[in-house]
C-alpha atoms as a PDB file:
ATOM      1  CA  MET A   1     -48.470  14.218   9.044  1.00  0.00           C
ATOM      2  CA  ASN A   2     -50.042  13.855   5.602  1.00  0.00           C
ATOM      3  CA  GLU A   3     -47.952  10.979   4.299  1.00  0.00           C
ATOM      4  CA  PRO A   4     -47.992  10.205   0.561  1.00  0.00           C
ATOM      5  CA  TYR A   5     -49.788   7.119  -0.659  1.00  0.00           C
ATOM      6  CA  TYR A   6     -46.868   6.038  -2.815  1.00  0.00           C
ATOM      7  CA  SER A   7     -43.206   5.109  -2.638  1.00  0.00           C
ATOM      8  CA  ILE A   8     -40.540   4.977  -5.341  1.00  0.00           C
ATOM      9  CA  VAL A   9     -37.601   2.577  -5.242  1.00  0.00           C
ATOM     10  CA  LYS A  10     -34.910   3.038  -7.879  1.00  0.00           C
ATOM     11  CA  ASP A  11     -32.414   0.356  -8.785  1.00  0.00           C
ATOM     12  CA  GLY A  12     -30.197   1.678 -11.548  1.00  0.00           C
ATOM     13  CA  PRO A  13     -32.334   2.284 -14.644  1.00  0.00           C
ATOM     14  CA  VAL A  14     -35.453   0.649 -13.146  1.00  0.00           C
ATOM     15  CA  ALA A  15     -37.921   2.421 -10.852  1.00  0.00           C
ATOM     16  CA  THR A  16     -40.705   0.662  -8.947  1.00  0.00           C
ATOM     17  CA  VAL A  17     -43.665   2.830  -7.939  1.00  0.00           C
ATOM     18  CA  THR A  18     -45.882   1.288  -5.243  1.00  0.00           C
ATOM     19  CA  PHE A  19     -49.151   2.892  -4.177  1.00  0.00           C
ATOM     20  CA  ASP A  20     -50.976   1.764  -1.051  1.00  0.00           C
ATOM     21  CA  ARG A  21     -53.670   3.641   0.866  1.00  0.00           C
ATOM     22  CA  HIS A  22     -53.902   0.884   3.509  1.00  0.00           C
ATOM     23  CA  LYS A  23     -57.702   1.093   3.332  1.00  0.00           C
ATOM     24  CA  ASN A  24     -60.714   0.799   1.008  1.00  0.00           C
ATOM     25  CA  LEU A  25     -58.997  -1.926  -1.057  1.00  0.00           C
ATOM     26  CA  ASN A  26     -56.576   0.679  -2.409  1.00  0.00           C
ATOM     27  CA  ALA A  27     -59.366   2.593  -4.147  1.00  0.00           C
ATOM     28  CA  PHE A  28     -58.461   5.805  -5.975  1.00  0.00           C
ATOM     29  CA  ASP A  29     -59.373   9.005  -4.179  1.00  0.00           C
ATOM     30  CA  GLY A  30     -58.481  12.527  -5.298  1.00  0.00           C
ATOM     31  CA  LYS A  31     -55.203  12.572  -3.372  1.00  0.00           C
ATOM     32  CA  LEU A  32     -53.966   9.321  -4.896  1.00  0.00           C
ATOM     33  CA  ILE A  33     -54.917  10.428  -8.409  1.00  0.00           C
ATOM     34  CA  LEU A  34     -53.032  13.717  -8.059  1.00  0.00           C
ATOM     35  CA  GLU A  35     -50.001  12.044  -6.476  1.00  0.00           C
ATOM     36  CA  LEU A  36     -49.656   9.406  -9.189  1.00  0.00           C
ATOM     37  CA  THR A  37     -50.087  12.084 -11.852  1.00  0.00           C
ATOM     38  CA  GLU A  38     -47.152  14.024 -10.420  1.00  0.00           C
ATOM     39  CA  VAL A  39     -45.121  10.824 -10.105  1.00  0.00           C
ATOM     40  CA  ALA A  40     -45.619  10.110 -13.812  1.00  0.00           C
ATOM     41  CA  ARG A  41     -44.712  13.642 -14.807  1.00  0.00           C
ATOM     42  CA  SER A  42     -41.542  13.472 -12.723  1.00  0.00           C
ATOM     43  CA  PHE A  43     -40.232  10.781 -15.085  1.00  0.00           C
ATOM     44  CA  HIS A  44     -40.913  12.705 -18.304  1.00  0.00           C
ATOM     45  CA  ASP A  45     -37.511  14.411 -18.277  1.00  0.00           C
ATOM     46  CA  ASP A  46     -35.671  11.627 -16.440  1.00  0.00           C
ATOM     47  CA  LEU A  47     -32.893  10.447 -18.773  1.00  0.00           C
ATOM     48  CA  GLU A  48     -31.538   7.798 -16.402  1.00  0.00           C
ATOM     49  CA  THR A  49     -34.645   5.697 -15.702  1.00  0.00           C
ATOM     50  CA  ARG A  50     -35.554   3.319 -18.532  1.00  0.00           C
ATOM     51  CA  VAL A  51     -38.362   1.226 -17.046  1.00  0.00           C
ATOM     52  CA  VAL A  52     -41.064   2.175 -14.525  1.00  0.00           C
ATOM     53  CA  ILE A  53     -42.981  -0.588 -12.746  1.00  0.00           C
ATOM     54  CA  LEU A  54     -46.335   0.330 -11.190  1.00  0.00           C
ATOM     55  CA  THR A  55     -47.824  -1.853  -8.474  1.00  0.00           C
ATOM     56  CA  GLY A  56     -50.436  -1.633  -5.740  1.00  0.00           C
ATOM     57  CA  SER A  57     -50.315  -3.371  -2.386  1.00  0.00           C
ATOM     58  CA  LYS A  58     -49.274  -7.002  -2.127  1.00  0.00           C
ATOM     59  CA  ASP A  59     -52.902  -7.950  -1.408  1.00  0.00           C
ATOM     60  CA  TYR A  60     -54.681  -6.123  -4.237  1.00  0.00           C
ATOM     61  CA  PHE A  61     -54.023  -3.657  -7.023  1.00  0.00           C
ATOM     62  CA  SER A  62     -57.075  -1.400  -6.660  1.00  0.00           C
ATOM     63  CA  ALA A  63     -60.835  -1.609  -6.160  1.00  0.00           C
ATOM     64  CA  GLY A  64     -61.351   1.350  -8.500  1.00  0.00           C
ATOM     65  CA  ALA A  65     -62.696   4.792  -7.679  1.00  0.00           C
ATOM     66  CA  ASP A  66     -63.381   5.472  -4.014  1.00  0.00           C
ATOM     67  CA  ILE A  67     -67.176   5.743  -3.639  1.00  0.00           C
ATOM     68  CA  GLU A  68     -66.833   8.150  -0.710  1.00  0.00           C
ATOM     69  CA  ASP A  69     -64.606  10.384  -2.808  1.00  0.00           C
ATOM     70  CA  LEU A  70     -67.032  10.241  -5.744  1.00  0.00           C
ATOM     71  CA  ALA A  71     -69.730  11.676  -3.498  1.00  0.00           C
ATOM     72  CA  SER A  72     -67.555  14.737  -2.846  1.00  0.00           C
ATOM     73  CA  ARG A  73     -67.575  15.615  -6.551  1.00  0.00           C
ATOM     74  CA  SER A  74     -70.968  17.280  -6.138  1.00  0.00           C
ATOM     75  CA  ALA A  75     -69.328  20.092  -4.156  1.00  0.00           C
ATOM     76  CA  GLY A  76     -68.030  23.332  -5.654  1.00  0.00           C
ATOM     77  CA  SER A  77     -68.783  25.268  -8.816  1.00  0.00           C
ATOM     78  CA  ASP A  78     -69.430  23.636 -12.174  1.00  0.00           C
ATOM     79  CA  ILE A  79     -65.898  24.423 -13.367  1.00  0.00           C
ATOM     80  CA  GLU A  80     -64.470  22.898 -10.188  1.00  0.00           C
ATOM     81  CA  LYS A  81     -66.570  19.769 -10.666  1.00  0.00           C
ATOM     82  CA  ARG A  82     -65.384  19.433 -14.263  1.00  0.00           C
ATOM     83  CA  GLN A  83     -61.782  19.842 -13.147  1.00  0.00           C
ATOM     84  CA  THR A  84     -62.300  17.011 -10.664  1.00  0.00           C
ATOM     85  CA  TYR A  85     -63.893  14.699 -13.218  1.00  0.00           C
ATOM     86  CA  PHE A  86     -60.932  15.129 -15.569  1.00  0.00           C
ATOM     87  CA  ARG A  87     -58.271  14.228 -13.001  1.00  0.00           C
ATOM     88  CA  GLY A  88     -58.278  10.576 -14.018  1.00  0.00           C
ATOM     89  CA  VAL A  89     -57.930  11.507 -17.690  1.00  0.00           C
ATOM     90  CA  ARG A  90     -54.821  13.543 -16.940  1.00  0.00           C
ATOM     91  CA  LEU A  91     -53.437  10.748 -14.741  1.00  0.00           C
ATOM     92  CA  CYS A  92     -53.618   8.188 -17.556  1.00  0.00           C
ATOM     93  CA  GLU A  93     -52.318  10.647 -20.136  1.00  0.00           C
ATOM     94  CA  ALA A  94     -49.286  11.326 -17.939  1.00  0.00           C
ATOM     95  CA  TRP A  95     -48.499   7.606 -17.624  1.00  0.00           C
ATOM     96  CA  GLU A  96     -49.064   6.935 -21.328  1.00  0.00           C
ATOM     97  CA  ALA A  97     -46.787   9.823 -22.332  1.00  0.00           C
ATOM     98  CA  MET A  98     -43.824   8.644 -20.245  1.00  0.00           C
ATOM     99  CA  PRO A  99     -40.777   7.896 -22.437  1.00  0.00           C
ATOM    100  CA  GLN A 100     -39.885   4.931 -20.251  1.00  0.00           C
ATOM    101  CA  ILE A 101     -41.341   1.460 -20.751  1.00  0.00           C
ATOM    102  CA  THR A 102     -44.096   1.068 -18.148  1.00  0.00           C
ATOM    103  CA  ILE A 103     -45.249  -2.221 -16.626  1.00  0.00           C
ATOM    104  CA  ALA A 104     -48.317  -2.536 -14.392  1.00  0.00           C
ATOM    105  CA  CYS A 105     -48.231  -5.399 -11.874  1.00  0.00           C
ATOM    106  CA  MET A 106     -51.697  -6.433 -10.686  1.00  0.00           C
ATOM    107  CA  GLU A 107     -52.503  -8.735  -7.772  1.00  0.00           C
ATOM    108  CA  LYS A 108     -55.876 -10.142  -6.601  1.00  0.00           C
ATOM    109  CA  LEU A 109     -58.241  -7.525  -8.038  1.00  0.00           C
ATOM    110  CA  ALA A 110     -58.318  -4.600 -10.437  1.00  0.00           C
ATOM    111  CA  VAL A 111     -61.666  -2.820 -10.719  1.00  0.00           C
ATOM    112  CA  GLY A 112     -62.814   0.157 -12.807  1.00  0.00           C
ATOM    113  CA  ALA A 113     -60.146   2.811 -12.444  1.00  0.00           C
ATOM    114  CA  GLY A 114     -57.826  -0.006 -11.380  1.00  0.00           C
ATOM    115  CA  VAL A 115     -58.178  -1.326 -14.934  1.00  0.00           C
ATOM    116  CA  ALA A 116     -58.132   2.075 -16.655  1.00  0.00           C
ATOM    117  CA  LEU A 117     -54.711   3.120 -15.365  1.00  0.00           C
ATOM    118  CA  PRO A 118     -52.906  -0.127 -16.355  1.00  0.00           C
ATOM    119  CA  LEU A 119     -54.392   0.249 -19.859  1.00  0.00           C
ATOM    120  CA  ALA A 120     -52.256   3.396 -20.167  1.00  0.00           C
ATOM    121  CA  CYS A 121     -49.117   1.364 -19.423  1.00  0.00           C
ATOM    122  CA  ASP A 122     -47.132  -0.562 -22.021  1.00  0.00           C
ATOM    123  CA  TRP A 123     -47.479  -4.014 -20.458  1.00  0.00           C
ATOM    124  CA  ARG A 124     -49.563  -5.660 -17.750  1.00  0.00           C
ATOM    125  CA  VAL A 125     -48.495  -8.590 -15.533  1.00  0.00           C
ATOM    126  CA  LEU A 126     -51.240 -10.344 -13.534  1.00  0.00           C
ATOM    127  CA  GLY A 127     -51.075 -12.757 -10.653  1.00  0.00           C
ATOM    128  CA  GLU A 128     -52.962 -15.954 -11.435  1.00  0.00           C
ATOM    129  CA  SER A 129     -55.709 -15.191  -8.883  1.00  0.00           C
ATOM    130  CA  CYS A 130     -56.218 -11.627 -10.084  1.00  0.00           C
ATOM    131  CA  TYR A 131     -59.475 -10.674 -11.761  1.00  0.00           C
ATOM    132  CA  LEU A 132     -60.442  -7.609 -13.776  1.00  0.00           C
ATOM    133  CA  TYR A 133     -63.849  -5.996 -13.388  1.00  0.00           C
ATOM    134  CA  VAL A 134     -65.319  -2.949 -15.150  1.00  0.00           C
ATOM    135  CA  PRO A 135     -68.673  -2.171 -13.437  1.00  0.00           C
ATOM    136  CA  GLU A 136     -69.134   1.445 -14.560  1.00  0.00           C
ATOM    137  CA  VAL A 137     -72.283   0.836 -16.628  1.00  0.00           C
ATOM    138  CA  LYS A 138     -73.805  -1.060 -13.703  1.00  0.00           C
ATOM    139  CA  ILE A 139     -73.677   2.161 -11.660  1.00  0.00           C
ATOM    140  CA  GLY A 140     -74.808   4.404 -14.518  1.00  0.00           C
ATOM    141  CA  LEU A 141     -71.422   5.677 -15.721  1.00  0.00           C
ATOM    142  CA  ASN A 142     -69.422   5.286 -18.904  1.00  0.00           C
ATOM    143  CA  LEU A 143     -65.852   3.992 -18.917  1.00  0.00           C
ATOM    144  CA  GLN A 144     -63.759   7.133 -18.794  1.00  0.00           C
ATOM    145  CA  TRP A 145     -60.138   8.169 -18.054  1.00  0.00           C
ATOM    146  CA  GLY A 146     -59.555   7.692 -21.820  1.00  0.00           C
ATOM    147  CA  ALA A 147     -59.751   3.948 -21.191  1.00  0.00           C
ATOM    148  CA  LEU A 148     -62.389   2.939 -23.739  1.00  0.00           C
ATOM    149  CA  PRO A 149     -60.330   3.496 -26.918  1.00  0.00           C
ATOM    150  CA  ARG A 150     -57.327   1.844 -25.269  1.00  0.00           C
ATOM    151  CA  LEU A 151     -59.501  -1.137 -24.392  1.00  0.00           C
ATOM    152  CA  ILE A 152     -60.865  -1.376 -27.935  1.00  0.00           C
ATOM    153  CA  SER A 153     -57.330  -1.275 -29.354  1.00  0.00           C
ATOM    154  CA  LEU A 154     -56.343  -4.243 -27.194  1.00  0.00           C
ATOM    155  CA  VAL A 155     -59.381  -6.546 -27.430  1.00  0.00           C
ATOM    156  CA  GLY A 156     -61.481  -5.275 -30.348  1.00  0.00           C
ATOM    157  CA  PRO A 157     -64.968  -3.728 -30.333  1.00  0.00           C
ATOM    158  CA  ALA A 158     -67.081  -6.821 -29.586  1.00  0.00           C
ATOM    159  CA  ARG A 159     -65.053  -7.858 -26.552  1.00  0.00           C
ATOM    160  CA  ALA A 160     -64.852  -4.246 -25.352  1.00  0.00           C
ATOM    161  CA  LYS A 161     -68.659  -4.100 -25.429  1.00  0.00           C
ATOM    162  CA  ARG A 162     -68.881  -7.368 -23.504  1.00  0.00           C
ATOM    163  CA  ILE A 163     -66.427  -6.182 -20.849  1.00  0.00           C
ATOM    164  CA  CYS A 164     -68.220  -2.854 -20.390  1.00  0.00           C
ATOM    165  CA  LEU A 165     -71.869  -3.849 -20.862  1.00  0.00           C
ATOM    166  CA  LEU A 166     -72.106  -7.277 -19.227  1.00  0.00           C
ATOM    167  CA  CYS A 167     -69.864  -6.231 -16.295  1.00  0.00           C
ATOM    168  CA  GLU A 168     -68.426  -9.729 -15.914  1.00  0.00           C
ATOM    169  CA  LYS A 169     -65.406 -10.450 -13.757  1.00  0.00           C
ATOM    170  CA  MET A 170     -62.532 -11.591 -15.964  1.00  0.00           C
ATOM    171  CA  ASP A 171     -59.954 -14.045 -14.651  1.00  0.00           C
ATOM    172  CA  ALA A 172     -56.256 -13.664 -15.391  1.00  0.00           C
ATOM    173  CA  GLN A 173     -56.100 -16.426 -17.977  1.00  0.00           C
ATOM    174  CA  THR A 174     -58.944 -14.916 -19.988  1.00  0.00           C
ATOM    175  CA  ALA A 175     -57.265 -11.515 -19.756  1.00  0.00           C
ATOM    176  CA  LEU A 176     -54.115 -13.091 -21.192  1.00  0.00           C
ATOM    177  CA  GLU A 177     -56.015 -14.796 -24.010  1.00  0.00           C
ATOM    178  CA  TRP A 178     -57.899 -11.600 -24.881  1.00  0.00           C
ATOM    179  CA  GLY A 179     -54.770  -9.412 -24.898  1.00  0.00           C
ATOM    180  CA  LEU A 180     -55.433  -7.412 -21.720  1.00  0.00           C
ATOM    181  CA  ALA A 181     -52.526  -9.114 -19.934  1.00  0.00           C
ATOM    182  CA  ASP A 182     -49.055  -9.738 -21.304  1.00  0.00           C
ATOM    183  CA  GLU A 183     -47.939 -12.157 -18.596  1.00  0.00           C
ATOM    184  CA  VAL A 184     -49.635 -14.244 -15.893  1.00  0.00           C
ATOM    185  CA  THR A 185     -47.516 -15.346 -12.934  1.00  0.00           C
ATOM    186  CA  THR A 186     -47.993 -17.083  -9.624  1.00  0.00           C
ATOM    187  CA  ASP A 187     -49.547 -14.817  -7.006  1.00  0.00           C
ATOM    188  CA  GLY A 188     -47.032 -12.479  -5.432  1.00  0.00           C
ATOM    189  CA  ALA A 189     -44.540 -12.832  -8.282  1.00  0.00           C
ATOM    190  CA  THR A 190     -45.752 -10.077 -10.601  1.00  0.00           C
ATOM    191  CA  VAL A 191     -43.057  -7.543  -9.673  1.00  0.00           C
ATOM    192  CA  ALA A 192     -40.328 -10.189  -9.932  1.00  0.00           C
ATOM    193  CA  ARG A 193     -41.494 -11.021 -13.466  1.00  0.00           C
ATOM    194  CA  ALA A 194     -41.688  -7.328 -14.354  1.00  0.00           C
ATOM    195  CA  LEU A 195     -38.116  -6.870 -13.163  1.00  0.00           C
ATOM    196  CA  GLU A 196     -37.022  -9.678 -15.493  1.00  0.00           C
ATOM    197  CA  MET A 197     -38.778  -7.965 -18.387  1.00  0.00           C
ATOM    198  CA  ALA A 198     -37.201  -4.653 -17.356  1.00  0.00           C
ATOM    199  CA  ALA A 199     -33.731  -6.205 -17.380  1.00  0.00           C
ATOM    200  CA  THR A 200     -34.250  -7.303 -20.982  1.00  0.00           C
ATOM    201  CA  VAL A 201     -35.456  -3.826 -21.970  1.00  0.00           C
ATOM    202  CA  CYS A 202     -32.376  -2.268 -20.389  1.00  0.00           C
ATOM    203  CA  GLU A 203     -30.127  -4.425 -22.596  1.00  0.00           C
ATOM    204  CA  MET A 204     -31.540  -2.702 -25.683  1.00  0.00           C
ATOM    205  CA  PRO A 205     -30.275   0.638 -27.054  1.00  0.00           C
ATOM    206  CA  GLN A 206     -32.105   3.369 -25.156  1.00  0.00           C
ATOM    207  CA  VAL A 207     -32.783   5.801 -28.010  1.00  0.00           C
ATOM    208  CA  ALA A 208     -34.126   3.079 -30.308  1.00  0.00           C
ATOM    209  CA  THR A 209     -36.338   1.746 -27.503  1.00  0.00           C
ATOM    210  CA  GLN A 210     -37.896   5.148 -26.891  1.00  0.00           C
ATOM    211  CA  MET A 211     -38.380   5.773 -30.607  1.00  0.00           C
ATOM    212  CA  VAL A 212     -40.164   2.468 -31.130  1.00  0.00           C
ATOM    213  CA  LYS A 213     -42.446   3.053 -28.127  1.00  0.00           C
ATOM    214  CA  GLU A 214     -43.310   6.529 -29.413  1.00  0.00           C
ATOM    215  CA  ALA A 215     -43.945   5.213 -32.947  1.00  0.00           C
ATOM    216  CA  VAL A 216     -46.209   2.398 -31.750  1.00  0.00           C
ATOM    217  CA  ASN A 217     -48.158   4.742 -29.467  1.00  0.00           C
ATOM    218  CA  ALA A 218     -48.516   7.376 -32.185  1.00  0.00           C
ATOM    219  CA  THR A 219     -49.933   4.793 -34.571  1.00  0.00           C
ATOM    220  CA  ALA A 220     -52.123   2.916 -32.106  1.00  0.00           C
ATOM    221  CA  THR A 221     -53.555   5.978 -30.365  1.00  0.00           C
ATOM    222  CA  ALA A 222     -53.905   8.360 -33.303  1.00  0.00           C
ATOM    223  CA  LEU A 223     -57.684   8.633 -32.924  1.00  0.00           C
ATOM    224  CA  HIS A 224     -57.965   7.949 -29.195  1.00  0.00           C
ATOM    225  CA  ARG A 225     -58.167  11.583 -28.164  1.00  0.00           C
ATOM    226  CA  THR A 226     -60.781  12.285 -30.820  1.00  0.00           C
ATOM    227  CA  SER A 227     -63.057   9.546 -29.525  1.00  0.00           C
ATOM    228  CA  SER A 228     -62.603  10.124 -25.790  1.00  0.00           C
ATOM    229  CA  PHE A 229     -61.934  13.847 -25.280  1.00  0.00           C
ATOM    230  CA  ALA A 230     -65.324  14.303 -23.588  1.00  0.00           C
ATOM    231  CA  ASP A 231     -65.591  11.042 -21.659  1.00  0.00           C
ATOM    232  CA  ALA A 232     -65.349  12.772 -18.278  1.00  0.00           C
ATOM    233  CA  ASP A 233     -68.081  15.202 -19.346  1.00  0.00           C
ATOM    234  CA  GLN A 234     -70.185  12.216 -20.368  1.00  0.00           C
ATOM    235  CA  SER A 235     -69.733  10.618 -16.951  1.00  0.00           C
ATOM    236  CA  TRP A 236     -70.702  13.876 -15.279  1.00  0.00           C
ATOM    237  CA  LEU A 237     -73.846  13.995 -17.421  1.00  0.00           C
ATOM    238  CA  THR A 238     -74.836  10.340 -17.057  1.00  0.00           C
ATOM    239  CA  ALA A 239     -74.225  10.397 -13.302  1.00  0.00           C
ATOM    240  CA  MET A 240     -77.021  12.961 -12.924  1.00  0.00           C
ATOM    241  CA  THR A 241     -79.703  10.951 -14.735  1.00  0.00           C
ATOM    242  CA  ASP A 242     -82.480   9.268 -12.777  1.00  0.00           C
ATOM    243  CA  ASP A 243     -81.627   5.786 -14.010  1.00  0.00           C
ATOM    244  CA  ALA A 244     -77.969   6.251 -13.018  1.00  0.00           C
ATOM    245  CA  ARG A 245     -78.977   7.300  -9.495  1.00  0.00           C
ATOM    246  CA  GLY A 246     -81.265   4.286  -9.252  1.00  0.00           C
ATOM    247  CA  ALA A 247     -78.510   1.977 -10.501  1.00  0.00           C
ATOM    248  CA  ARG A 248     -76.074   3.294  -7.882  1.00  0.00           C
ATOM    249  CA  ASP A 249     -78.656   2.853  -5.118  1.00  0.00           C
ATOM    250  CA  ARG A 250     -79.230  -0.777  -6.134  1.00  0.00           C
ATOM    251  CA  PHE A 251     -75.501  -1.419  -6.448  1.00  0.00           C
ATOM    252  CA  ASN A 252     -74.764   0.083  -3.015  1.00  0.00           C
ATOM    253  CA  LYS A 253     -77.506  -1.979  -1.359  1.00  0.00           C
ATOM    254  CA  LYS A 254     -75.962  -5.173  -2.737  1.00  0.00           C
ATOM    255  CA  SER A 255     -72.430  -4.188  -1.743  1.00  0.00           C
END
């Protein structure tokens, strides 16, 4: 049976979405991307749920895009390939557009796509041993999924360039200091802390909470779509260049 990669547990106005592939360090493949997109959309007209918590497995959030799945993107017609490249964009848009407050809980590691999706959430809670890593440029790709403008909004242009161009692993404390994390907890306690934050949110008037979230997002993201509408096309283009192929070969040999 083709079991889903996710589960949803609802406790009153709070829903906890857990995704776990039980392999490949919870990397995003096409199935997981499509499932989490539908999960997000299922909350868009949900008037009862006020907070949605997103978490990976207890051992790690996600190692990013599944390399095996990336290889499959070369199959099909050009329009089919483009559709595939834009799946991550639609995933993050669906999470960002949710009326609920969203909290990403990240344990041990969050790489590439595993950073991009939490950037579309309202808040991020990291375990103290968690690190963030954006290696796209190292393998000849740009940071896509609409993540680059969100990253710039949080840390500013100079730090965004450092994160993307130097491909350094960032520890949880640095992420907190730079504004990528909102809370750092002991390992294994990220969901517990998110539930505490959710309880406080649920004490506030619901309509006012949604209005403020929408107003902040409208202001902060006003130009995001303009600057990133073609980022998946750019990744498709850069992935086909000779230097990108060489970079991936070197990266895979070291892995």
